[in-house]
Amino acid sequence: MDSQRLPILSRRRLLELSGLGMGTVALEGLLQADSRVPMDLQPRPTHHRARSKAVIQFVMNGGPSQMDLFDPKPALTKYSGKPHPDGVEIHQPNNANVLMGSPFQFRRAGQSGIEISEALPELATIADDLCVVRSMYSEHNNHPEGLNQLQTCRIFPGRPVMGAWISYALGSVNQNLPAFIVLRDPEGYPVSGKQLWSSGWLPALFQGVEFNPSGIPVRNLNPVKPLPPGVQREQLDFLARLNARHKASHPGDSELEARIQNYELAARMQLAAAEVLDLSRETAATRQLYGLDNPLTGAFGTRCLMARRLVESGVRFVQIFSGPGQPWDHHARIKTDLPKICAKTDVPVVGLIKDLQSRGLFDSTIVLWSGEFGRLPTTQNSDGRDHNRNAFSLFLAGGGFKRGLAYGETDEFGYKATVNRVGTPDLQATILHALGLDHVRLSFAHGGRQETPTDATVTGAKPVSALLS
């Protein structure tokens, strides 16, 4: 037969004609699975009764030192200057296997008696509202891998972060704002940059959206040159008609659907974002609560107040970064430099928690304060500490977590988590559970398998019920 006269077959027709038609059966199954992927931010039902509705995540990037903030170690003080008996895992040069006691005093705070460092005096005033986990551990000593682990439960890049999974699973109460908003330091990006709020292989609709703490709330949202009244609305309506026509000719294209949804959300955000983030209407008492008028705390306090307003407006997940780079990374001068970053963040963090309480939002909002790993009990550069994946501390507050609890233990020097160990996948499984989500049932078809937030078949993640009230 003349090859020029052969009929041109579409891929779908080829599947119908081959393998007794089994190929098209498989294709239809894939298309139906794809059609079940939510491509909007409408509120969606939970798997079980939810204790909370929203999350505010403080990403204290750099690796806060657990034995200098939340995990006092008398033995470390007693044997300071002596070798660690078993040696420690070294990450960077200029390490000595010499124990270094904390230069900070710890005090029991509140009726719970949780011990908190003098470097965080404001936090000590709300000790009875905190759920402190002292037995966290990670899988890598590098910042990018550690941050990936914290955000996605695995050390390699490319997976969706927790905020994206929550947006995908629950949608948003407010259809005029994204479900997942990022408040980074305007001075620069954290290590790993936008990867830390990526939707990975989930539709792009569920990734984090950067909001600015000053000036225009969202970049590229409004035209550079103002348009006459009604012109922009006509353009958006015309674009919507073109998108709908294009969508009809490309069924099952989730990327296209996400792009259309993002355009429509951007149009709605033009008014909503500016209104929600107008802090000028806040009282003098609220400004003082967050430290807005103090040059030291004002920038971080602004991001914290924005987070409260966003959650109050129905945003599902707000991510706050404490600074560019890794401001909690103290390889040297920990005695002088750790108090500096604590002083910038302590008042605003506590102000946010108190404000959530006063507005009836505390019980429905999870506050998570965490870095990506901890520090070694030994010295680096004579007065600093190197990275430590084997132990770190964090705290949670509100959203169904127990109050006044110090959970888990590390060894006598704070080097390794030993009692009631909690991995980052366990942490994420617990947060999802508080939001009414089963971390195993929540899934997305990708690469020939059903992916889950915690990759539980590999990590063995389980919710830590002891942390929940």
Protein backbone atom coordinates (compact mmCIF):
# COMPACT_ATOMS: atom_id res chain seq x y z
CA MET A 1 0.00 0.00 0.00
CA ASP A 2 1.24 3.51 -0.80
CA SER A 3 2.50 4.99 2.43
CA GLN A 4 1.21 8.37 1.31
CA ARG A 5 -2.36 7.02 1.41
CA LEU A 6 -2.20 5.57 4.95
CA PRO A 7 -4.82 7.14 7.25
CA ILE A 8 -3.53 9.33 10.05
CA LEU A 9 -4.55 7.85 13.40
CA SER A 10 -4.89 9.82 16.59
CA ARG A 11 -3.26 8.37 19.70
CA ARG A 12 -6.68 7.61 21.15
CA ARG A 13 -7.80 5.80 17.94
CA LEU A 14 -4.54 3.83 17.90
CA LEU A 15 -5.23 2.67 21.49
CA GLU A 16 -8.75 1.63 20.48
CA LEU A 17 -7.48 -0.54 17.60
CA SER A 18 -4.59 -2.21 19.46
CA GLY A 19 -4.46 -4.74 22.28
CA LEU A 20 -8.17 -5.65 21.98
CA GLY A 21 -9.05 -2.12 22.97
CA MET A 22 -7.49 -2.41 26.44
CA GLY A 23 -5.37 0.66 25.81
CA THR A 24 -8.38 2.91 25.51
CA VAL A 25 -9.87 1.42 28.68
CA ALA A 26 -6.73 2.39 30.57
CA LEU A 27 -6.76 5.84 28.97
CA GLU A 28 -10.36 6.46 30.00
CA GLY A 29 -9.46 5.45 33.53
CA LEU A 30 -6.62 7.97 33.59
CA LEU A 31 -8.81 10.74 32.19
CA GLN A 32 -11.52 10.02 34.76
CA ALA A 33 -8.94 10.09 37.56
CA ASP A 34 -7.63 13.40 36.26
CA SER A 35 -11.16 14.81 36.08
CA ARG A 36 -11.58 14.14 39.78
CA VAL A 37 -8.68 16.45 40.64
CA PRO A 38 -10.20 19.60 42.20
CA MET A 39 -9.33 22.57 40.02
CA ASP A 40 -10.78 25.30 42.20
CA LEU A 41 -10.48 26.61 45.75
CA GLN A 42 -14.01 25.81 46.82
CA PRO A 43 -14.19 24.48 50.41
CA ARG A 44 -14.03 20.69 50.50
CA PRO A 45 -15.06 18.16 53.17
CA THR A 46 -12.60 16.68 55.62
CA HIS A 47 -11.98 12.97 56.24
CA HIS A 48 -12.98 13.23 59.89
CA ARG A 49 -13.95 15.89 62.40
CA ALA A 50 -11.46 18.74 62.21
CA ARG A 51 -9.98 20.37 65.29
CA SER A 52 -8.65 23.33 63.29
CA LYS A 53 -9.24 25.23 60.07
CA ALA A 54 -5.99 27.02 59.26
CA VAL A 55 -2.23 26.97 59.80
CA ILE A 56 0.31 29.74 60.37
CA GLN A 57 3.81 28.33 59.89
CA PHE A 58 6.84 30.20 61.21
CA VAL A 59 9.81 28.94 59.19
CA MET A 60 12.76 29.84 61.43
CA ASN A 61 15.26 28.99 58.73
CA GLY A 62 18.80 28.20 59.73
CA GLY A 63 18.46 25.67 62.53
CA PRO A 64 17.62 27.20 65.96
CA SER A 65 19.73 25.78 68.77
CA GLN A 66 17.57 23.52 70.91
CA MET A 67 19.84 23.45 73.95
CA ASP A 68 19.94 27.25 73.98
CA LEU A 69 16.18 27.82 73.61
CA PHE A 70 13.89 24.93 74.61
CA ASP A 71 15.91 21.96 75.86
CA PRO A 72 18.04 22.76 78.94
CA LYS A 73 20.86 20.32 79.64
CA PRO A 74 22.49 20.49 83.11
CA ALA A 75 25.01 17.81 82.12
CA LEU A 76 26.10 19.93 79.17
CA THR A 77 26.81 22.79 81.55
CA LYS A 78 28.55 20.51 84.04
CA TYR A 79 30.91 18.96 81.49
CA SER A 80 31.39 22.06 79.33
CA GLY A 81 34.94 22.15 77.96
CA LYS A 82 35.36 18.38 78.06
CA PRO A 83 35.20 15.97 75.08
CA HIS A 84 31.92 14.41 74.09
CA PRO A 85 32.35 10.80 75.25
CA ASP A 86 31.11 9.22 72.00
CA GLY A 87 31.87 11.92 69.46
CA VAL A 88 29.33 13.65 67.23
CA GLU A 89 28.47 13.73 63.54
CA ILE A 90 30.52 16.53 61.97
CA HIS A 91 29.07 18.54 59.09
CA GLN A 92 31.45 21.47 58.53
CA PRO A 93 35.12 22.24 59.34
CA ASN A 94 36.46 23.99 62.45
CA ASN A 95 34.57 21.65 64.76
CA ALA A 96 36.05 20.44 68.01
CA ASN A 97 34.66 17.48 69.91
CA VAL A 98 34.37 19.70 72.96
CA LEU A 99 31.11 20.15 74.82
CA MET A 100 29.85 23.73 75.18
CA GLY A 101 27.32 24.59 77.84
CA SER A 102 24.61 27.07 77.00
CA PRO A 103 25.43 30.68 77.82
CA PHE A 104 21.74 31.28 78.55
CA GLN A 105 19.76 30.68 81.71
CA PHE A 106 16.53 28.68 81.68
CA ARG A 107 13.52 29.36 83.88
CA ARG A 108 10.36 27.41 84.55
CA ALA A 109 7.41 29.35 83.21
CA GLY A 110 3.69 29.29 83.90
CA GLN A 111 1.78 26.68 85.83
CA SER A 112 3.08 24.00 83.46
CA GLY A 113 6.68 24.76 84.45
CA ILE A 114 8.01 24.44 80.90
CA GLU A 115 11.61 25.57 80.85
CA ILE A 116 12.32 28.30 78.29
CA SER A 117 15.54 30.20 77.68
CA GLU A 118 16.03 33.80 78.77
CA ALA A 119 16.64 34.53 75.06
CA LEU A 120 12.85 34.26 74.57
CA PRO A 121 11.39 36.19 77.54
CA GLU A 122 8.06 37.02 75.87
CA LEU A 123 7.46 33.43 74.85
CA ALA A 124 7.88 32.38 78.47
CA THR A 125 4.83 34.48 79.36
CA ILE A 126 2.58 32.16 77.32
CA ALA A 127 4.27 28.86 78.23
CA ASP A 128 0.94 27.38 79.28
CA ASP A 129 -0.38 27.80 75.72
CA LEU A 130 2.53 25.98 74.09
CA CYS A 131 3.05 22.40 72.99
CA VAL A 132 6.86 22.07 72.91
CA VAL A 133 8.32 19.05 71.13
CA ARG A 134 11.92 18.38 72.21
CA SER A 135 12.44 15.10 70.39
CA MET A 136 12.30 16.13 66.74
CA TYR A 137 14.82 14.73 64.26
CA SER A 138 15.51 15.08 60.54
CA GLU A 139 17.45 13.14 57.90
CA HIS A 140 19.98 15.63 56.58
CA ASN A 141 22.44 18.22 57.89
CA ASN A 142 22.28 20.56 54.86
CA HIS A 143 19.91 23.53 54.81
CA PRO A 144 18.21 22.82 51.43
CA GLU A 145 17.66 19.15 52.20
CA GLY A 146 16.59 19.90 55.78
CA LEU A 147 14.08 22.49 54.61
CA ASN A 148 12.75 20.07 51.99
CA GLN A 149 12.33 17.50 54.75
CA LEU A 150 10.46 19.96 56.94
CA GLN A 151 8.16 21.09 54.14
CA THR A 152 7.65 17.91 52.09
CA CYS A 153 8.72 15.00 54.37
CA ARG A 154 11.51 14.00 51.96
CA ILE A 155 14.95 15.54 51.45
CA PHE A 156 14.88 15.76 47.65
CA PRO A 157 13.21 18.66 45.81
CA GLY A 158 10.13 18.54 43.61
CA ARG A 159 7.44 17.36 46.03
CA PRO A 160 4.50 19.53 47.12
CA VAL A 161 4.94 21.36 50.40
CA MET A 162 2.49 21.00 53.28
CA GLY A 163 0.65 24.22 52.46
CA ALA A 164 0.02 23.05 48.89
CA TRP A 165 -1.38 19.71 50.09
CA ILE A 166 -3.69 21.48 52.54
CA SER A 167 -4.89 23.89 49.83
CA TYR A 168 -5.50 20.97 47.47
CA ALA A 169 -7.39 19.00 50.12
CA LEU A 170 -9.47 21.72 51.76
CA GLY A 171 -9.75 24.63 49.33
CA SER A 172 -10.38 28.07 50.82
CA VAL A 173 -13.17 29.79 52.69
CA ASN A 174 -12.45 33.03 50.81
CA GLN A 175 -12.68 32.75 47.02
CA ASN A 176 -11.11 36.20 46.56
CA LEU A 177 -7.77 35.20 48.08
CA PRO A 178 -5.36 32.28 47.55
CA ALA A 179 -5.63 29.39 49.98
CA PHE A 180 -1.83 29.45 50.58
CA ILE A 181 0.01 32.75 51.11
CA VAL A 182 3.73 33.35 51.71
CA LEU A 183 5.12 36.27 53.73
CA ARG A 184 8.88 36.29 53.25
CA ASP A 185 11.38 38.92 54.35
CA PRO A 186 11.40 41.71 51.74
CA GLU A 187 15.19 41.87 52.09
CA GLY A 188 15.61 38.57 50.28
CA TYR A 189 14.66 34.94 49.80
CA PRO A 190 15.39 32.07 52.18
CA VAL A 191 17.70 29.24 51.17
CA SER A 192 15.95 27.18 48.43
CA GLY A 193 13.76 30.17 47.55
CA LYS A 194 10.38 29.51 45.95
CA GLN A 195 10.89 25.78 46.21
CA LEU A 196 9.73 26.11 49.83
CA TRP A 197 6.20 27.02 48.75
CA SER A 198 6.02 24.94 45.58
CA SER A 199 3.03 22.81 44.63
CA GLY A 200 5.41 20.26 43.07
CA TRP A 201 3.38 18.04 40.76
CA LEU A 202 0.07 19.20 42.23
CA PRO A 203 -1.71 21.73 40.01
CA ALA A 204 -0.11 25.19 40.17
CA LEU A 205 -3.33 26.61 41.63
CA PHE A 206 -2.28 25.20 45.04
CA GLN A 207 1.23 26.69 45.30
CA GLY A 208 2.01 29.50 47.72
CA VAL A 209 1.42 33.06 46.53
CA GLU A 210 3.86 35.73 47.72
CA PHE A 211 2.31 38.78 49.39
CA ASN A 212 4.40 41.87 50.11
CA PRO A 213 4.39 43.32 53.64
CA SER A 214 4.65 46.86 52.24
CA GLY A 215 3.60 48.66 49.09
CA ILE A 216 1.57 46.75 46.50
CA PRO A 217 0.40 43.50 48.18
CA VAL A 218 0.85 41.27 45.12
CA ARG A 219 3.28 41.89 42.27
CA ASN A 220 1.97 42.15 38.71
CA LEU A 221 -1.63 42.17 39.90
CA ASN A 222 -2.56 45.61 38.58
CA PRO A 223 -1.73 47.15 35.16
CA VAL A 224 1.47 49.21 35.05
CA LYS A 225 -0.51 52.02 33.40
CA PRO A 226 -4.02 52.66 34.74
CA LEU A 227 -6.79 51.82 32.26
CA PRO A 228 -10.02 53.75 31.65
CA PRO A 229 -13.02 52.60 33.72
CA GLY A 230 -14.47 49.33 32.49
CA VAL A 231 -11.67 48.54 30.03
CA GLN A 232 -9.88 46.03 32.22
CA ARG A 233 -13.16 44.29 33.06
CA GLU A 234 -13.92 43.96 29.35
CA GLN A 235 -10.45 42.56 28.71
CA LEU A 236 -10.85 40.00 31.50
CA ASP A 237 -14.28 38.96 30.24
CA PHE A 238 -12.91 38.56 26.70
CA LEU A 239 -9.97 36.53 28.04
CA ALA A 240 -12.40 34.33 29.98
CA ARG A 241 -14.34 33.56 26.79
CA LEU A 242 -11.13 32.68 24.94
CA ASN A 243 -9.98 30.49 27.83
CA ALA A 244 -13.33 28.68 27.96
CA ARG A 245 -13.17 27.97 24.21
CA HIS A 246 -9.58 26.74 24.47
CA LYS A 247 -10.44 24.62 27.50
CA ALA A 248 -13.32 22.95 25.67
CA SER A 249 -10.93 21.82 22.93
CA HIS A 250 -8.40 20.45 25.47
CA PRO A 251 -10.35 18.26 27.94
CA GLY A 252 -8.39 16.83 30.84
CA ASP A 253 -5.59 19.46 30.64
CA SER A 254 -5.11 20.20 34.35
CA GLU A 255 -2.26 22.67 33.76
CA LEU A 256 -4.47 24.74 31.47
CA GLU A 257 -7.31 24.61 33.99
CA ALA A 258 -4.96 25.76 36.77
CA ARG A 259 -3.76 28.66 34.64
CA ILE A 260 -7.32 29.78 33.93
CA GLN A 261 -8.23 29.55 37.60
CA ASN A 262 -5.14 31.60 38.54
CA TYR A 263 -6.11 34.35 36.09
CA GLU A 264 -9.60 34.51 37.51
CA LEU A 265 -8.30 34.53 41.09
CA ALA A 266 -5.89 37.36 40.22
CA ALA A 267 -8.79 39.45 38.95
CA ARG A 268 -10.71 38.93 42.18
CA MET A 269 -7.63 39.64 44.30
CA GLN A 270 -7.19 43.16 42.92
CA LEU A 271 -9.63 44.53 45.45
CA ALA A 272 -9.60 41.86 48.16
CA ALA A 273 -5.84 41.76 48.81
CA ALA A 274 -5.48 45.51 49.27
CA GLU A 275 -8.45 45.62 51.64
CA VAL A 276 -7.37 42.69 53.82
CA LEU A 277 -3.81 43.95 54.14
CA ASP A 278 -4.64 47.56 54.94
CA LEU A 279 -3.14 47.77 58.42
CA SER A 280 -3.92 51.46 58.83
CA ARG A 281 -7.21 50.60 60.52
CA GLU A 282 -5.54 48.66 63.33
CA THR A 283 -5.60 50.22 66.79
CA ALA A 284 -2.59 51.61 68.63
CA ALA A 285 -2.93 48.74 71.12
CA THR A 286 -2.68 46.18 68.30
CA ARG A 287 0.35 47.93 66.83
CA GLN A 288 2.03 47.79 70.21
CA LEU A 289 1.10 44.13 70.67
CA TYR A 290 2.99 43.21 67.48
CA GLY A 291 5.85 45.68 68.01
CA LEU A 292 5.08 47.57 64.80
CA ASP A 293 6.46 50.89 66.00
CA ASN A 294 9.75 49.40 67.19
CA PRO A 295 12.42 49.42 64.44
CA LEU A 296 13.75 46.11 65.77
CA THR A 297 10.47 44.19 65.59
CA GLY A 298 8.43 46.25 63.13
CA ALA A 299 9.18 44.33 59.93
CA PHE A 300 8.58 40.87 61.36
CA GLY A 301 5.62 42.15 63.38
CA THR A 302 4.01 43.44 60.19
CA ARG A 303 4.19 39.98 58.64
CA CYS A 304 2.67 38.46 61.79
CA LEU A 305 -0.21 40.94 61.80
CA MET A 306 -0.79 40.29 58.10
CA ALA A 307 -0.97 36.58 58.89
CA ARG A 308 -3.71 37.17 61.47
CA ARG A 309 -5.72 39.27 59.03
CA LEU A 310 -5.35 36.65 56.30
CA VAL A 311 -6.45 33.76 58.53
CA GLU A 312 -9.30 35.89 59.81
CA SER A 313 -10.34 36.39 56.17
CA GLY A 314 -10.46 32.66 55.46
CA VAL A 315 -6.97 31.92 54.09
CA ARG A 316 -6.08 28.32 54.84
CA PHE A 317 -2.27 28.36 55.16
CA VAL A 318 0.11 31.28 55.83
CA GLN A 319 3.87 30.79 55.77
CA ILE A 320 6.10 33.38 57.51
CA PHE A 321 9.87 33.46 57.07
CA SER A 322 12.04 35.04 59.76
CA GLY A 323 14.59 36.47 57.33
CA PRO A 324 16.57 36.01 54.14
CA GLY A 325 19.15 33.26 53.93
CA GLN A 326 19.30 31.41 57.24
CA PRO A 327 19.20 33.87 60.17
CA TRP A 328 19.19 31.12 62.84
CA ASP A 329 22.42 29.57 61.52
CA HIS A 330 24.93 30.24 64.30
CA HIS A 331 28.26 28.62 63.50
CA ALA A 332 29.95 31.27 65.65
CA ARG A 333 29.13 33.95 68.24
CA ILE A 334 25.99 32.18 69.43
CA LYS A 335 26.06 34.11 72.72
CA THR A 336 25.70 37.46 70.94
CA ASP A 337 23.96 36.56 67.67
CA LEU A 338 21.20 34.22 68.86
CA PRO A 339 19.65 36.94 71.11
CA LYS A 340 19.56 39.29 68.11
CA ILE A 341 17.25 37.15 65.99
CA CYS A 342 15.23 36.23 69.09
CA ALA A 343 14.73 39.95 69.85
CA LYS A 344 13.39 40.54 66.32
CA THR A 345 10.84 37.73 66.49
CA ASP A 346 9.89 37.09 70.13
CA VAL A 347 7.42 39.96 70.66
CA PRO A 348 5.64 39.58 67.28
CA VAL A 349 5.21 35.79 67.65
CA VAL A 350 3.68 36.17 71.10
CA GLY A 351 1.62 39.14 69.91
CA LEU A 352 0.13 36.99 67.15
CA ILE A 353 -0.80 34.18 69.54
CA LYS A 354 -2.39 36.60 72.00
CA ASP A 355 -4.27 38.33 69.20
CA LEU A 356 -5.61 35.02 67.89
CA GLN A 357 -6.82 34.24 71.39
CA SER A 358 -8.57 37.60 71.85
CA ARG A 359 -10.39 37.23 68.52
CA GLY A 360 -11.57 33.67 69.05
CA LEU A 361 -9.25 32.28 66.36
CA PHE A 362 -6.75 30.42 68.54
CA ASP A 363 -8.65 27.15 68.86
CA SER A 364 -9.16 26.91 65.09
CA THR A 365 -5.65 28.00 64.01
CA ILE A 366 -2.48 25.93 64.31
CA VAL A 367 0.67 27.96 64.95
CA LEU A 368 3.86 26.08 64.10
CA TRP A 369 7.31 27.49 65.03
CA SER A 370 10.17 25.39 63.66
CA GLY A 371 13.52 25.34 61.93
CA GLU A 372 14.81 22.58 59.69
CA PHE A 373 17.18 20.94 62.24
CA GLY A 374 19.04 21.70 65.46
CA ARG A 375 22.61 22.35 66.60
CA LEU A 376 25.40 20.24 68.07
CA PRO A 377 26.27 20.33 71.77
CA THR A 378 29.95 20.73 70.82
CA THR A 379 31.87 23.79 69.73
CA GLN A 380 32.53 25.13 66.26
CA ASN A 381 34.80 28.14 65.72
CA SER A 382 35.20 28.15 69.53
CA ASP A 383 31.85 29.86 70.24
CA GLY A 384 29.30 28.47 67.77
CA ARG A 385 27.49 25.23 66.99
CA ASP A 386 27.32 23.14 63.80
CA HIS A 387 24.18 21.61 62.23
CA ASN A 388 22.53 18.64 63.90
CA ARG A 389 19.90 16.48 62.18
CA ASN A 390 19.61 14.12 65.16
CA ALA A 391 17.68 16.45 67.46
CA PHE A 392 15.83 19.75 67.43
CA SER A 393 12.97 21.45 69.21
CA LEU A 394 9.85 23.24 67.98
CA PHE A 395 6.53 24.36 69.37
CA LEU A 396 2.90 24.28 68.28
CA ALA A 397 0.05 26.31 69.70
CA GLY A 398 -3.71 26.39 69.21
CA GLY A 399 -5.67 24.32 66.72
CA GLY A 400 -6.33 21.34 68.97
CA PHE A 401 -2.79 20.85 70.29
CA LYS A 402 -2.26 20.32 74.01
CA ARG A 403 -1.36 23.33 76.11
CA GLY A 404 1.48 23.46 78.60
CA LEU A 405 3.12 20.28 77.29
CA ALA A 406 6.82 19.51 76.89
CA TYR A 407 6.95 16.31 74.84
CA GLY A 408 9.86 13.95 74.24
CA GLU A 409 13.48 13.93 75.39
CA THR A 410 17.00 14.06 74.03
CA ASP A 411 20.12 12.50 75.55
CA GLU A 412 21.96 14.17 78.43
CA PHE A 413 23.78 16.56 76.10
CA GLY A 414 20.92 17.27 73.68
CA TYR A 415 22.64 15.54 70.75
CA LYS A 416 20.07 12.87 69.83
CA ALA A 417 16.32 12.52 70.27
CA THR A 418 15.84 9.46 72.47
CA VAL A 419 12.36 9.38 74.04
CA ASN A 420 9.14 9.73 72.01
CA ARG A 421 11.04 10.58 68.85
CA VAL A 422 9.09 12.60 66.26
CA GLY A 423 10.16 12.78 62.62
CA THR A 424 9.03 15.57 60.30
CA PRO A 425 6.62 13.19 58.49
CA ASP A 426 5.02 12.39 61.87
CA LEU A 427 4.70 16.11 62.53
CA GLN A 428 2.98 16.71 59.20
CA ALA A 429 0.69 13.70 59.68
CA THR A 430 -0.34 15.15 63.06
CA ILE A 431 -1.05 18.61 61.66
CA LEU A 432 -3.09 17.12 58.83
CA HIS A 433 -5.03 15.03 61.35
CA ALA A 434 -5.87 18.16 63.34
CA LEU A 435 -7.20 19.67 60.11
CA GLY A 436 -9.46 16.66 59.61
CA LEU A 437 -7.26 14.97 57.00
CA ASP A 438 -5.92 11.43 56.88
CA HIS A 439 -2.37 11.68 55.51
CA VAL A 440 -2.71 8.25 53.85
CA ARG A 441 -6.12 8.80 52.25
CA LEU A 442 -5.07 12.21 50.92
CA SER A 443 -3.38 11.34 47.62
CA PHE A 444 -2.60 12.43 44.09
CA ALA A 445 -1.80 10.25 41.07
CA HIS A 446 1.70 11.02 39.82
CA GLY A 447 4.39 9.01 38.07
CA GLY A 448 2.40 5.78 38.13
CA ARG A 449 1.68 5.78 41.86
CA GLN A 450 -0.64 7.40 44.36
CA GLU A 451 1.49 10.00 46.11
CA THR A 452 0.66 11.10 49.66
CA PRO A 453 1.88 14.09 51.70
CA THR A 454 4.06 12.07 54.08
CA ASP A 455 4.99 9.25 51.68
CA ALA A 456 3.95 7.01 54.54
CA THR A 457 4.83 3.70 52.86
CA VAL A 458 8.46 4.84 52.89
CA THR A 459 8.63 7.07 55.97
CA GLY A 460 6.26 5.10 58.21
CA ALA A 461 4.69 8.38 59.35
CA LYS A 462 1.93 8.33 61.94
CA PRO A 463 0.05 11.11 63.76
CA VAL A 464 1.31 11.69 67.31
CA SER A 465 -1.92 11.52 69.29
CA ALA A 466 -0.15 12.52 72.51
CA LEU A 467 0.26 16.05 71.12
CA LEU A 468 -3.46 16.54 70.52
CA SER A 469 -5.97 17.56 73.16
